[in-house]
């Protein structure tokens, strides 16, 4: 059994090394790629803002609950 796990680890390490240490890549990035990346970044940003808008009441209620718990805890200690 130990022999199999060591072999498996060696194969995984080799696969990671092959993926992380690529050779020379002779590739061309056209101008459309930049605009595509910009669209993806803006889409992600706007999607995140929309998610915040949708869940805004739940977010504020979560933090109000925390502050109310601290306030009640402080009042009970003062008495």
C-alpha atoms as a PDB file:
ATOM      1  CA  UNK A   1       0.000   0.000   0.000  1.00  0.00           C
ATOM      2  CA  UNK A   2       2.737   2.495   0.865  1.00  0.00           C
ATOM      3  CA  UNK A   3       4.363   1.893  -2.502  1.00  0.00           C
ATOM      4  CA  UNK A   4       1.147   2.870  -4.291  1.00  0.00           C
ATOM      5  CA  UNK A   5       0.743   6.140  -2.382  1.00  0.00           C
ATOM      6  CA  UNK A   6       4.341   7.170  -3.063  1.00  0.00           C
ATOM      7  CA  UNK A   7       3.904   6.423  -6.751  1.00  0.00           C
ATOM      8  CA  UNK A   8       0.632   8.358  -6.798  1.00  0.00           C
ATOM      9  CA  UNK A   9       2.321  11.340  -5.135  1.00  0.00           C
ATOM     10  CA  UNK A  10       5.164  11.248  -7.665  1.00  0.00           C
ATOM     11  CA  UNK A  11       2.723  11.190 -10.576  1.00  0.00           C
ATOM     12  CA  UNK A  12       0.734  14.097  -9.115  1.00  0.00           C
ATOM     13  CA  UNK A  13       3.909  16.112  -8.507  1.00  0.00           C
ATOM     14  CA  UNK A  14       5.057  15.450 -12.065  1.00  0.00           C
ATOM     15  CA  UNK A  15       1.681  16.493 -13.475  1.00  0.00           C
ATOM     16  CA  UNK A  16       1.725  19.726 -11.455  1.00  0.00           C
ATOM     17  CA  UNK A  17       5.275  20.463 -12.624  1.00  0.00           C
ATOM     18  CA  UNK A  18       4.287  19.936 -16.261  1.00  0.00           C
ATOM     19  CA  UNK A  19       1.297  22.261 -15.896  1.00  0.00           C
ATOM     20  CA  UNK A  20       3.141  25.008 -14.009  1.00  0.00           C
ATOM     21  CA  UNK A  21       6.345  25.009 -16.056  1.00  0.00           C
ATOM     22  CA  UNK A  22       5.231  25.345 -19.679  1.00  0.00           C
ATOM     23  CA  UNK A  23       7.671  25.635 -22.543  1.00  0.00           C
ATOM     24  CA  UNK A  24       7.881  28.544 -24.960  1.00  0.00           C
ATOM     25  CA  UNK A  25       4.463  29.617 -26.188  1.00  0.00           C
ATOM     26  CA  UNK A  26       4.428  31.252 -29.585  1.00  0.00           C
ATOM     27  CA  UNK A  27       0.960  32.767 -29.302  1.00  0.00           C
ATOM     28  CA  UNK A  28      -0.738  35.837 -30.674  1.00  0.00           C
ATOM     29  CA  UNK A  29      -3.237  37.836 -28.671  1.00  0.00           C
ATOM     30  CA  UNK A  30      -5.447  39.896 -30.946  1.00  0.00           C
ATOM     31  CA  UNK A  31      -6.937  43.277 -29.953  1.00  0.00           C
ATOM     32  CA  UNK A  32     -10.363  41.708 -29.427  1.00  0.00           C
ATOM     33  CA  UNK A  33      -9.010  39.750 -26.470  1.00  0.00           C
ATOM     34  CA  UNK A  34      -8.459  42.938 -24.464  1.00  0.00           C
ATOM     35  CA  UNK A  35     -12.029  44.091 -24.977  1.00  0.00           C
ATOM     36  CA  UNK A  36     -13.290  40.622 -24.052  1.00  0.00           C
ATOM     37  CA  UNK A  37     -11.316  40.706 -20.798  1.00  0.00           C
ATOM     38  CA  UNK A  38     -12.672  44.194 -20.087  1.00  0.00           C
ATOM     39  CA  UNK A  39     -16.224  42.942 -20.677  1.00  0.00           C
ATOM     40  CA  UNK A  40     -15.681  40.030 -18.288  1.00  0.00           C
ATOM     41  CA  UNK A  41     -14.308  42.323 -15.564  1.00  0.00           C
ATOM     42  CA  UNK A  42     -17.144  44.822 -15.956  1.00  0.00           C
ATOM     43  CA  UNK A  43     -19.737  42.038 -16.055  1.00  0.00           C
ATOM     44  CA  UNK A  44     -18.355  40.529 -12.867  1.00  0.00           C
ATOM     45  CA  UNK A  45     -18.291  43.909 -11.155  1.00  0.00           C
ATOM     46  CA  UNK A  46     -21.850  44.751 -12.173  1.00  0.00           C
ATOM     47  CA  UNK A  47     -23.022  41.252 -11.212  1.00  0.00           C
ATOM     48  CA  UNK A  48     -21.478  41.686  -7.772  1.00  0.00           C
ATOM     49  CA  UNK A  49     -23.112  45.088  -7.343  1.00  0.00           C
ATOM     50  CA  UNK A  50     -26.469  43.628  -8.373  1.00  0.00           C
ATOM     51  CA  UNK A  51     -26.087  40.811  -5.843  1.00  0.00           C
ATOM     52  CA  UNK A  52     -25.364  43.369  -3.124  1.00  0.00           C
ATOM     53  CA  UNK A  53     -28.449  45.339  -4.176  1.00  0.00           C
ATOM     54  CA  UNK A  54     -30.648  42.244  -4.038  1.00  0.00           C
ATOM     55  CA  UNK A  55     -29.372  41.119  -0.624  1.00  0.00           C
ATOM     56  CA  UNK A  56     -28.859  44.598   0.917  1.00  0.00           C
ATOM     57  CA  UNK A  57     -31.627  44.206   3.527  1.00  0.00           C
ATOM     58  CA  UNK A  58     -30.248  40.852   4.666  1.00  0.00           C
ATOM     59  CA  UNK A  59     -26.729  42.290   4.894  1.00  0.00           C
ATOM     60  CA  UNK A  60     -27.808  45.276   6.973  1.00  0.00           C
ATOM     61  CA  UNK A  61     -30.022  43.105   9.173  1.00  0.00           C
ATOM     62  CA  UNK A  62     -27.047  40.819   9.854  1.00  0.00           C
ATOM     63  CA  UNK A  63     -24.889  43.720  11.055  1.00  0.00           C
ATOM     64  CA  UNK A  64     -27.725  45.329  13.014  1.00  0.00           C
ATOM     65  CA  UNK A  65     -28.288  42.037  14.792  1.00  0.00           C
ATOM     66  CA  UNK A  66     -24.620  41.926  15.766  1.00  0.00           C
ATOM     67  CA  UNK A  67     -24.666  45.506  17.052  1.00  0.00           C
ATOM     68  CA  UNK A  68     -27.918  44.934  18.954  1.00  0.00           C
ATOM     69  CA  UNK A  69     -26.450  41.833  20.605  1.00  0.00           C
ATOM     70  CA  UNK A  70     -23.415  43.844  21.714  1.00  0.00           C
ATOM     71  CA  UNK A  71     -25.625  46.658  22.983  1.00  0.00           C
ATOM     72  CA  UNK A  72     -27.852  44.280  24.985  1.00  0.00           C
ATOM     73  CA  UNK A  73     -24.778  42.491  26.332  1.00  0.00           C
ATOM     74  CA  UNK A  74     -23.256  45.806  27.456  1.00  0.00           C
ATOM     75  CA  UNK A  75     -26.511  46.863  29.120  1.00  0.00           C
ATOM     76  CA  UNK A  76     -26.819  43.601  31.034  1.00  0.00           C
ATOM     77  CA  UNK A  77     -23.232  43.911  32.278  1.00  0.00           C
ATOM     78  CA  UNK A  78     -23.849  47.498  33.432  1.00  0.00           C
ATOM     79  CA  UNK A  79     -26.732  46.416  35.654  1.00  0.00           C
END
